[in-house]
N, C-alpha and C. Protein backbone atom coordinates (compact mmCIF):
# COMPACT_ATOMS: atom_id res chain seq x y z
N SER A 1 2.22 10.32 -11.85
CA SER A 1 1.81 10.69 -10.66
C SER A 1 2.53 10.09 -9.53
N SER A 2 3.16 10.49 -8.52
CA SER A 2 3.93 9.81 -7.66
C SER A 2 3.01 8.96 -6.82
N ARG A 3 1.51 9.42 -6.76
CA ARG A 3 0.27 9.22 -5.89
C ARG A 3 0.69 7.45 -6.06
N PHE A 4 0.45 7.04 -7.89
CA PHE A 4 0.59 5.94 -8.08
C PHE A 4 2.11 4.95 -7.76
N ILE A 5 1.87 3.80 -7.62
CA ILE A 5 3.29 2.76 -7.59
C ILE A 5 3.77 2.48 -8.80
N PRO A 6 4.93 2.18 -9.21
CA PRO A 6 5.68 1.98 -10.55
C PRO A 6 4.81 0.94 -11.17
N ARG A 7 4.71 -0.10 -10.36
CA ARG A 7 3.97 -1.61 -10.77
C ARG A 7 2.59 -1.10 -11.16
N PHE A 8 1.88 -0.14 -10.34
CA PHE A 8 0.43 0.04 -11.09
C PHE A 8 0.66 0.73 -12.27
N THR A 9 1.26 1.53 -12.33
CA THR A 9 1.47 2.51 -13.75
C THR A 9 1.76 1.84 -15.02
N ARG A 10 2.52 0.93 -14.53
CA ARG A 10 3.18 -0.34 -15.72
C ARG A 10 1.63 -0.79 -16.37
N ARG A 11 1.00 -1.76 -15.15
CA ARG A 11 -0.12 -2.11 -15.68
C ARG A 11 -1.07 -1.37 -16.15
N ILE A 12 -1.30 0.15 -15.49
CA ILE A 12 -2.01 0.87 -16.45
C ILE A 12 -1.88 1.38 -18.05
N LYS A 13 -0.67 1.58 -18.13
CA LYS A 13 -0.26 1.85 -19.18
C LYS A 13 -0.40 0.76 -20.04
N LYS A 14 -0.33 -0.65 -19.79
CA LYS A 14 -0.63 -1.61 -20.59
C LYS A 14 -2.09 -1.84 -20.67
N ASN A 15 -2.33 -1.55 -20.00
CA ASN A 15 -4.17 -1.72 -19.99
C ASN A 15 -4.91 -0.60 -20.93
N LYS A 16 -3.75 0.58 -20.99
CA LYS A 16 -4.72 1.54 -21.93
C LYS A 16 -4.12 1.19 -23.23
């Protein structure tokens, strides 16, 4: 989702 920032997405993927 372009709404989320790259850094945030990376953290979310790592968290999941």
